[in-house]
């Protein structure tokens, strides 16, 4: 009987947590995206409620606003230098083009579901994400800068405070954003990096597509491994999933 009540309590707690941490996207009609202030308040609340979540200021936008990194780390040790010895780190970048905000909202839901144990990661795995990289672009909200894009009702602008396209500023690092990104990347030293973009309203044949780099860009050893092993295995697994 005690076990029955314990299971009931745990399931009720999970249900409460899921509903207590609903995102603006989930609360709306599916055509809204979070604001910068809503996003920060959400993650700060999540970090206060779960010791597996950290929300850290790790740089600045060209407008002086902070860039934050959210980390899901289920281990007692929080020092990344120690964790990196035997843990894998996945790094996600969101909002480089804030008019393509899907990754921002999806990462909020992902971190919540990880914290509440609705979903589980592989063993020895840490997930870190820049919650929104182009902060000034995210703050510059409107409804008409992407005429061929179907939603959301309001979204951010492509350029940052100085109208830089941050997706073109990784090498020159003319912006505070890019220099902050370099510091974050070196701090995390991730094993896998994902940069979230959206189709920008283009009429793609498929709902989901992916693009990988040419093997020649990776050099002989890594390029051959990527093309003949890593990518080949991914394609094989996708074909097994079917349509």
C-alpha atoms as a PDB file:
ATOM      1  CA  UNK A   1       0.000   0.000   0.000  1.00  0.00           C
ATOM      2  CA  UNK A   2       2.852   2.392   0.832  1.00  0.00           C
ATOM      3  CA  UNK A   3       4.409   1.683  -2.568  1.00  0.00           C
ATOM      4  CA  UNK A   4       1.091   2.499  -4.232  1.00  0.00           C
ATOM      5  CA  UNK A   5       0.904   5.896  -2.534  1.00  0.00           C
ATOM      6  CA  UNK A   6       4.568   6.592  -3.273  1.00  0.00           C
ATOM      7  CA  UNK A   7       4.048   5.910  -6.981  1.00  0.00           C
ATOM      8  CA  UNK A   8       0.944   8.091  -6.940  1.00  0.00           C
ATOM      9  CA  UNK A   9       2.896  10.906  -5.285  1.00  0.00           C
ATOM     10  CA  UNK A  10       5.756  10.638  -7.780  1.00  0.00           C
ATOM     11  CA  UNK A  11       3.437  10.638 -10.787  1.00  0.00           C
ATOM     12  CA  UNK A  12       1.513  13.609  -9.365  1.00  0.00           C
ATOM     13  CA  UNK A  13       4.763  15.488  -8.771  1.00  0.00           C
ATOM     14  CA  UNK A  14       5.855  14.841 -12.346  1.00  0.00           C
ATOM     15  CA  UNK A  15       2.491  16.019 -13.680  1.00  0.00           C
ATOM     16  CA  UNK A  16       2.704  19.176 -11.557  1.00  0.00           C
ATOM     17  CA  UNK A  17       6.256  19.899 -12.690  1.00  0.00           C
ATOM     18  CA  UNK A  18       5.343  19.444 -16.337  1.00  0.00           C
ATOM     19  CA  UNK A  19       2.430  21.860 -16.040  1.00  0.00           C
ATOM     20  CA  UNK A  20       4.221  24.303 -13.748  1.00  0.00           C
ATOM     21  CA  UNK A  21       6.984  24.651 -16.337  1.00  0.00           C
ATOM     22  CA  UNK A  22       4.903  24.959 -19.464  1.00  0.00           C
ATOM     23  CA  UNK A  23       6.471  27.274 -22.020  1.00  0.00           C
ATOM     24  CA  UNK A  24       4.628  30.177 -23.686  1.00  0.00           C
ATOM     25  CA  UNK A  25       4.629  28.089 -26.857  1.00  0.00           C
ATOM     26  CA  UNK A  26       2.786  25.272 -25.074  1.00  0.00           C
ATOM     27  CA  UNK A  27       0.389  27.625 -23.307  1.00  0.00           C
ATOM     28  CA  UNK A  28      -0.573  29.354 -26.563  1.00  0.00           C
ATOM     29  CA  UNK A  29      -2.058  28.043 -29.769  1.00  0.00           C
ATOM     30  CA  UNK A  30       1.240  26.759 -31.133  1.00  0.00           C
ATOM     31  CA  UNK A  31       2.015  29.987 -32.968  1.00  0.00           C
ATOM     32  CA  UNK A  32       3.868  31.898 -30.258  1.00  0.00           C
ATOM     33  CA  UNK A  33       7.537  32.044 -29.326  1.00  0.00           C
ATOM     34  CA  UNK A  34       9.048  33.094 -26.009  1.00  0.00           C
ATOM     35  CA  UNK A  35      10.415  36.581 -25.339  1.00  0.00           C
ATOM     36  CA  UNK A  36      13.927  37.155 -23.973  1.00  0.00           C
ATOM     37  CA  UNK A  37      12.642  38.091 -20.496  1.00  0.00           C
ATOM     38  CA  UNK A  38      10.220  35.133 -20.396  1.00  0.00           C
ATOM     39  CA  UNK A  39      13.008  32.771 -21.421  1.00  0.00           C
ATOM     40  CA  UNK A  40      15.381  33.995 -18.710  1.00  0.00           C
ATOM     41  CA  UNK A  41      12.694  33.840 -16.002  1.00  0.00           C
ATOM     42  CA  UNK A  42      11.793  30.307 -17.109  1.00  0.00           C
ATOM     43  CA  UNK A  43      15.362  29.015 -16.923  1.00  0.00           C
ATOM     44  CA  UNK A  44      16.106  30.806 -13.661  1.00  0.00           C
ATOM     45  CA  UNK A  45      13.035  29.173 -12.125  1.00  0.00           C
ATOM     46  CA  UNK A  46      14.036  25.793 -13.568  1.00  0.00           C
ATOM     47  CA  UNK A  47      17.552  26.124 -12.128  1.00  0.00           C
ATOM     48  CA  UNK A  48      16.141  27.001  -8.683  1.00  0.00           C
ATOM     49  CA  UNK A  49      13.854  23.982  -8.758  1.00  0.00           C
ATOM     50  CA  UNK A  50      16.267  21.325 -10.052  1.00  0.00           C
ATOM     51  CA  UNK A  51      19.904  20.835  -9.056  1.00  0.00           C
ATOM     52  CA  UNK A  52      20.569  19.201 -12.430  1.00  0.00           C
ATOM     53  CA  UNK A  53      20.038  22.551 -14.205  1.00  0.00           C
ATOM     54  CA  UNK A  54      22.464  25.485 -14.249  1.00  0.00           C
ATOM     55  CA  UNK A  55      21.811  28.851 -15.913  1.00  0.00           C
ATOM     56  CA  UNK A  56      24.994  30.826 -16.315  1.00  0.00           C
ATOM     57  CA  UNK A  57      25.899  34.184 -17.833  1.00  0.00           C
ATOM     58  CA  UNK A  58      28.682  33.487 -20.318  1.00  0.00           C
ATOM     59  CA  UNK A  59      29.157  36.550 -22.499  1.00  0.00           C
ATOM     60  CA  UNK A  60      27.472  39.605 -24.000  1.00  0.00           C
ATOM     61  CA  UNK A  61      25.553  40.666 -27.083  1.00  0.00           C
ATOM     62  CA  UNK A  62      26.621  43.787 -28.986  1.00  0.00           C
ATOM     63  CA  UNK A  63      23.923  45.680 -27.060  1.00  0.00           C
ATOM     64  CA  UNK A  64      25.492  44.749 -23.707  1.00  0.00           C
ATOM     65  CA  UNK A  65      22.785  42.266 -22.713  1.00  0.00           C
ATOM     66  CA  UNK A  66      23.996  38.963 -21.252  1.00  0.00           C
ATOM     67  CA  UNK A  67      24.195  35.726 -23.208  1.00  0.00           C
ATOM     68  CA  UNK A  68      23.280  32.720 -21.061  1.00  0.00           C
ATOM     69  CA  UNK A  69      24.184  29.042 -21.201  1.00  0.00           C
ATOM     70  CA  UNK A  70      21.808  26.448 -19.755  1.00  0.00           C
ATOM     71  CA  UNK A  71      23.321  23.123 -18.704  1.00  0.00           C
ATOM     72  CA  UNK A  72      21.696  19.811 -17.868  1.00  0.00           C
ATOM     73  CA  UNK A  73      24.204  17.969 -15.689  1.00  0.00           C
ATOM     74  CA  UNK A  74      22.841  15.036 -13.658  1.00  0.00           C
ATOM     75  CA  UNK A  75      26.140  14.458 -11.818  1.00  0.00           C
ATOM     76  CA  UNK A  76      27.173  15.775  -8.380  1.00  0.00           C
ATOM     77  CA  UNK A  77      30.407  17.160  -9.856  1.00  0.00           C
ATOM     78  CA  UNK A  78      29.807  20.507 -11.603  1.00  0.00           C
ATOM     79  CA  UNK A  79      33.364  21.337 -12.706  1.00  0.00           C
ATOM     80  CA  UNK A  80      33.471  20.752 -16.465  1.00  0.00           C
ATOM     81  CA  UNK A  81      37.246  20.265 -16.396  1.00  0.00           C
ATOM     82  CA  UNK A  82      36.710  17.263 -14.164  1.00  0.00           C
ATOM     83  CA  UNK A  83      33.609  15.990 -15.940  1.00  0.00           C
ATOM     84  CA  UNK A  84      35.201  16.135 -19.381  1.00  0.00           C
ATOM     85  CA  UNK A  85      37.569  13.299 -18.446  1.00  0.00           C
ATOM     86  CA  UNK A  86      34.866  10.654 -18.790  1.00  0.00           C
ATOM     87  CA  UNK A  87      31.676  12.483 -19.862  1.00  0.00           C
ATOM     88  CA  UNK A  88      30.453  13.454 -23.326  1.00  0.00           C
ATOM     89  CA  UNK A  89      29.202  17.024 -23.865  1.00  0.00           C
ATOM     90  CA  UNK A  90      26.551  17.988 -26.417  1.00  0.00           C
ATOM     91  CA  UNK A  91      26.439  21.714 -27.199  1.00  0.00           C
ATOM     92  CA  UNK A  92      23.433  23.401 -28.840  1.00  0.00           C
ATOM     93  CA  UNK A  93      23.296  26.965 -30.177  1.00  0.00           C
ATOM     94  CA  UNK A  94      19.891  28.673 -30.446  1.00  0.00           C
ATOM     95  CA  UNK A  95      18.680  31.932 -31.904  1.00  0.00           C
ATOM     96  CA  UNK A  96      21.572  32.898 -34.146  1.00  0.00           C
ATOM     97  CA  UNK A  97      18.697  34.106 -36.361  1.00  0.00           C
ATOM     98  CA  UNK A  98      15.913  34.929 -33.862  1.00  0.00           C
ATOM     99  CA  UNK A  99      13.306  34.945 -36.627  1.00  0.00           C
ATOM    100  CA  UNK A 100      13.941  31.194 -36.624  1.00  0.00           C
ATOM    101  CA  UNK A 101      13.049  30.622 -32.959  1.00  0.00           C
ATOM    102  CA  UNK A 102      12.018  26.950 -32.922  1.00  0.00           C
ATOM    103  CA  UNK A 103      15.216  25.792 -31.242  1.00  0.00           C
ATOM    104  CA  UNK A 104      14.807  28.347 -28.446  1.00  0.00           C
ATOM    105  CA  UNK A 105      11.367  26.988 -27.514  1.00  0.00           C
ATOM    106  CA  UNK A 106      12.292  23.334 -28.104  1.00  0.00           C
ATOM    107  CA  UNK A 107      15.368  23.566 -25.861  1.00  0.00           C
ATOM    108  CA  UNK A 108      13.263  24.987 -23.036  1.00  0.00           C
ATOM    109  CA  UNK A 109      10.992  21.953 -23.240  1.00  0.00           C
ATOM    110  CA  UNK A 110      13.964  19.600 -23.570  1.00  0.00           C
ATOM    111  CA  UNK A 111      15.695  20.931 -20.448  1.00  0.00           C
ATOM    112  CA  UNK A 112      12.458  20.695 -18.472  1.00  0.00           C
ATOM    113  CA  UNK A 113      11.835  17.130 -19.609  1.00  0.00           C
ATOM    114  CA  UNK A 114      15.395  16.176 -18.691  1.00  0.00           C
ATOM    115  CA  UNK A 115      15.126  17.820 -15.281  1.00  0.00           C
ATOM    116  CA  UNK A 116      11.800  16.121 -14.511  1.00  0.00           C
ATOM    117  CA  UNK A 117      13.134  12.793 -15.846  1.00  0.00           C
ATOM    118  CA  UNK A 118      10.409  12.553 -18.449  1.00  0.00           C
ATOM    119  CA  UNK A 119      13.189  11.670 -20.865  1.00  0.00           C
ATOM    120  CA  UNK A 120      16.632  10.258 -20.143  1.00  0.00           C
ATOM    121  CA  UNK A 121      20.011  10.847 -21.703  1.00  0.00           C
ATOM    122  CA  UNK A 122      22.582   8.159 -22.404  1.00  0.00           C
ATOM    123  CA  UNK A 123      24.910   7.384 -19.530  1.00  0.00           C
ATOM    124  CA  UNK A 124      27.739   9.872 -18.887  1.00  0.00           C
ATOM    125  CA  UNK A 125      26.126  12.606 -20.962  1.00  0.00           C
ATOM    126  CA  UNK A 126      25.828  16.379 -20.420  1.00  0.00           C
ATOM    127  CA  UNK A 127      23.789  18.802 -22.531  1.00  0.00           C
ATOM    128  CA  UNK A 128      24.641  22.505 -22.730  1.00  0.00           C
ATOM    129  CA  UNK A 129      22.876  25.142 -24.821  1.00  0.00           C
ATOM    130  CA  UNK A 130      23.113  28.839 -25.509  1.00  0.00           C
ATOM    131  CA  UNK A 131      19.532  29.785 -24.684  1.00  0.00           C
ATOM    132  CA  UNK A 132      19.528  32.653 -27.238  1.00  0.00           C
ATOM    133  CA  UNK A 133      22.705  33.755 -29.007  1.00  0.00           C
ATOM    134  CA  UNK A 134      21.490  36.858 -30.885  1.00  0.00           C
ATOM    135  CA  UNK A 135      19.925  38.616 -27.904  1.00  0.00           C
ATOM    136  CA  UNK A 136      19.446  42.016 -29.554  1.00  0.00           C
ATOM    137  CA  UNK A 137      17.838  40.368 -32.566  1.00  0.00           C
ATOM    138  CA  UNK A 138      15.514  38.462 -30.240  1.00  0.00           C
ATOM    139  CA  UNK A 139      14.512  41.712 -28.529  1.00  0.00           C
ATOM    140  CA  UNK A 140      13.767  43.334 -31.897  1.00  0.00           C
ATOM    141  CA  UNK A 141      10.426  41.573 -32.311  1.00  0.00           C
ATOM    142  CA  UNK A 142       7.966  42.048 -35.132  1.00  0.00           C
ATOM    143  CA  UNK A 143       5.611  40.257 -37.494  1.00  0.00           C
ATOM    144  CA  UNK A 144       6.632  41.380 -40.968  1.00  0.00           C
ATOM    145  CA  UNK A 145      10.387  40.903 -41.492  1.00  0.00           C
ATOM    146  CA  UNK A 146       9.836  37.365 -42.857  1.00  0.00           C
ATOM    147  CA  UNK A 147       6.927  37.721 -45.239  1.00  0.00           C
ATOM    148  CA  UNK A 148       7.156  34.182 -46.599  1.00  0.00           C
ATOM    149  CA  UNK A 149       7.377  32.520 -43.172  1.00  0.00           C
ATOM    150  CA  UNK A 150       4.304  30.882 -41.662  1.00  0.00           C
ATOM    151  CA  UNK A 151       4.503  32.126 -38.057  1.00  0.00           C
ATOM    152  CA  UNK A 152       5.068  32.725 -35.265  1.00  0.00           C
ATOM    153  CA  UNK A 153       2.809  35.705 -34.631  1.00  0.00           C
ATOM    154  CA  UNK A 154       5.845  37.707 -33.452  1.00  0.00           C
ATOM    155  CA  UNK A 155       9.497  36.820 -33.763  1.00  0.00           C
ATOM    156  CA  UNK A 156      12.971  38.331 -33.649  1.00  0.00           C
ATOM    157  CA  UNK A 157      15.043  40.008 -36.338  1.00  0.00           C
ATOM    158  CA  UNK A 158      17.868  38.344 -38.286  1.00  0.00           C
ATOM    159  CA  UNK A 159      20.582  40.940 -37.579  1.00  0.00           C
ATOM    160  CA  UNK A 160      21.918  41.844 -34.156  1.00  0.00           C
ATOM    161  CA  UNK A 161      22.203  45.326 -32.586  1.00  0.00           C
ATOM    162  CA  UNK A 162      24.761  46.380 -35.224  1.00  0.00           C
ATOM    163  CA  UNK A 163      22.828  44.524 -37.944  1.00  0.00           C
ATOM    164  CA  UNK A 164      25.442  41.793 -38.213  1.00  0.00           C
ATOM    165  CA  UNK A 165      24.352  38.382 -39.460  1.00  0.00           C
ATOM    166  CA  UNK A 166      26.029  36.348 -36.723  1.00  0.00           C
ATOM    167  CA  UNK A 167      26.042  33.265 -38.924  1.00  0.00           C
ATOM    168  CA  UNK A 168      28.690  35.068 -41.001  1.00  0.00           C
ATOM    169  CA  UNK A 169      30.862  36.209 -38.088  1.00  0.00           C
ATOM    170  CA  UNK A 170      32.457  33.101 -36.615  1.00  0.00           C
ATOM    171  CA  UNK A 171      35.913  33.734 -38.111  1.00  0.00           C
ATOM    172  CA  UNK A 172      36.312  37.521 -38.134  1.00  0.00           C
ATOM    173  CA  UNK A 173      34.652  37.866 -34.720  1.00  0.00           C
ATOM    174  CA  UNK A 174      33.680  41.487 -35.319  1.00  0.00           C
ATOM    175  CA  UNK A 175      30.898  41.234 -32.741  1.00  0.00           C
ATOM    176  CA  UNK A 176      30.798  40.714 -28.987  1.00  0.00           C
ATOM    177  CA  UNK A 177      28.491  37.797 -29.722  1.00  0.00           C
ATOM    178  CA  UNK A 178      31.116  35.961 -31.773  1.00  0.00           C
ATOM    179  CA  UNK A 179      33.859  36.565 -29.243  1.00  0.00           C
ATOM    180  CA  UNK A 180      31.542  35.319 -26.492  1.00  0.00           C
ATOM    181  CA  UNK A 181      30.755  32.237 -28.553  1.00  0.00           C
ATOM    182  CA  UNK A 182      34.453  31.435 -28.940  1.00  0.00           C
ATOM    183  CA  UNK A 183      34.925  31.658 -25.179  1.00  0.00           C
ATOM    184  CA  UNK A 184      31.869  29.463 -24.527  1.00  0.00           C
ATOM    185  CA  UNK A 185      33.014  26.870 -27.042  1.00  0.00           C
ATOM    186  CA  UNK A 186      36.505  26.709 -25.544  1.00  0.00           C
ATOM    187  CA  UNK A 187      35.008  26.471 -22.057  1.00  0.00           C
ATOM    188  CA  UNK A 188      32.717  23.580 -23.007  1.00  0.00           C
ATOM    189  CA  UNK A 189      35.007  21.783 -25.494  1.00  0.00           C
ATOM    190  CA  UNK A 190      31.985  19.807 -26.736  1.00  0.00           C
ATOM    191  CA  UNK A 191      32.077  16.404 -28.392  1.00  0.00           C
ATOM    192  CA  UNK A 192      29.072  17.261 -30.580  1.00  0.00           C
ATOM    193  CA  UNK A 193      27.818  20.690 -31.696  1.00  0.00           C
ATOM    194  CA  UNK A 194      24.354  21.483 -33.103  1.00  0.00           C
ATOM    195  CA  UNK A 195      23.327  24.907 -34.455  1.00  0.00           C
ATOM    196  CA  UNK A 196      19.547  25.230 -34.713  1.00  0.00           C
ATOM    197  CA  UNK A 197      18.102  26.916 -37.796  1.00  0.00           C
ATOM    198  CA  UNK A 198      14.711  26.858 -39.518  1.00  0.00           C
ATOM    199  CA  UNK A 199      13.801  26.794 -43.212  1.00  0.00           C
ATOM    200  CA  UNK A 200      13.163  30.565 -43.245  1.00  0.00           C
ATOM    201  CA  UNK A 201       9.866  30.059 -45.040  1.00  0.00           C
ATOM    202  CA  UNK A 202      11.329  28.273 -48.052  1.00  0.00           C
ATOM    203  CA  UNK A 203       9.113  25.678 -49.730  1.00  0.00           C
ATOM    204  CA  UNK A 204      11.028  22.510 -48.873  1.00  0.00           C
ATOM    205  CA  UNK A 205       9.762  19.147 -50.079  1.00  0.00           C
ATOM    206  CA  UNK A 206      10.284  17.550 -46.677  1.00  0.00           C
ATOM    207  CA  UNK A 207       9.350  18.593 -43.156  1.00  0.00           C
ATOM    208  CA  UNK A 208      12.807  17.788 -41.835  1.00  0.00           C
ATOM    209  CA  UNK A 209      16.125  17.962 -43.695  1.00  0.00           C
ATOM    210  CA  UNK A 210      19.761  17.901 -42.668  1.00  0.00           C
ATOM    211  CA  UNK A 211      22.944  19.063 -44.304  1.00  0.00           C
ATOM    212  CA  UNK A 212      26.415  17.745 -43.521  1.00  0.00           C
ATOM    213  CA  UNK A 213      29.757  19.159 -44.540  1.00  0.00           C
ATOM    214  CA  UNK A 214      31.894  17.861 -47.405  1.00  0.00           C
ATOM    215  CA  UNK A 215      34.385  15.265 -46.211  1.00  0.00           C
ATOM    216  CA  UNK A 216      37.246  17.169 -47.853  1.00  0.00           C
ATOM    217  CA  UNK A 217      36.756  20.027 -45.400  1.00  0.00           C
ATOM    218  CA  UNK A 218      37.507  17.771 -42.453  1.00  0.00           C
ATOM    219  CA  UNK A 219      40.882  16.479 -43.616  1.00  0.00           C
ATOM    220  CA  UNK A 220      41.890  12.969 -44.624  1.00  0.00           C
ATOM    221  CA  UNK A 221      41.465  10.971 -41.423  1.00  0.00           C
ATOM    222  CA  UNK A 222      38.434  12.712 -39.921  1.00  0.00           C
ATOM    223  CA  UNK A 223      36.841  13.235 -43.337  1.00  0.00           C
ATOM    224  CA  UNK A 224      37.041   9.557 -44.259  1.00  0.00           C
ATOM    225  CA  UNK A 225      35.696   8.508 -40.850  1.00  0.00           C
ATOM    226  CA  UNK A 226      32.841  11.009 -41.065  1.00  0.00           C
ATOM    227  CA  UNK A 227      31.819   9.980 -44.579  1.00  0.00           C
ATOM    228  CA  UNK A 228      32.327   6.210 -44.435  1.00  0.00           C
ATOM    229  CA  UNK A 229      31.355   5.519 -40.816  1.00  0.00           C
ATOM    230  CA  UNK A 230      29.482   8.278 -38.990  1.00  0.00           C
ATOM    231  CA  UNK A 231      27.313   9.590 -41.814  1.00  0.00           C
ATOM    232  CA  UNK A 232      26.845   6.170 -43.405  1.00  0.00           C
ATOM    233  CA  UNK A 233      25.516   4.790 -40.103  1.00  0.00           C
ATOM    234  CA  UNK A 234      23.134   7.733 -39.708  1.00  0.00           C
ATOM    235  CA  UNK A 235      21.745   7.217 -43.208  1.00  0.00           C
ATOM    236  CA  UNK A 236      21.330   3.499 -42.560  1.00  0.00           C
ATOM    237  CA  UNK A 237      19.397   4.183 -39.347  1.00  0.00           C
ATOM    238  CA  UNK A 238      17.178   6.779 -41.056  1.00  0.00           C
ATOM    239  CA  UNK A 239      16.270   4.297 -43.797  1.00  0.00           C
ATOM    240  CA  UNK A 240      15.264   1.758 -41.144  1.00  0.00           C
ATOM    241  CA  UNK A 241      12.886   4.287 -39.620  1.00  0.00           C
ATOM    242  CA  UNK A 242      11.117   4.642 -42.953  1.00  0.00           C
ATOM    243  CA  UNK A 243       8.828   7.509 -43.944  1.00  0.00           C
END
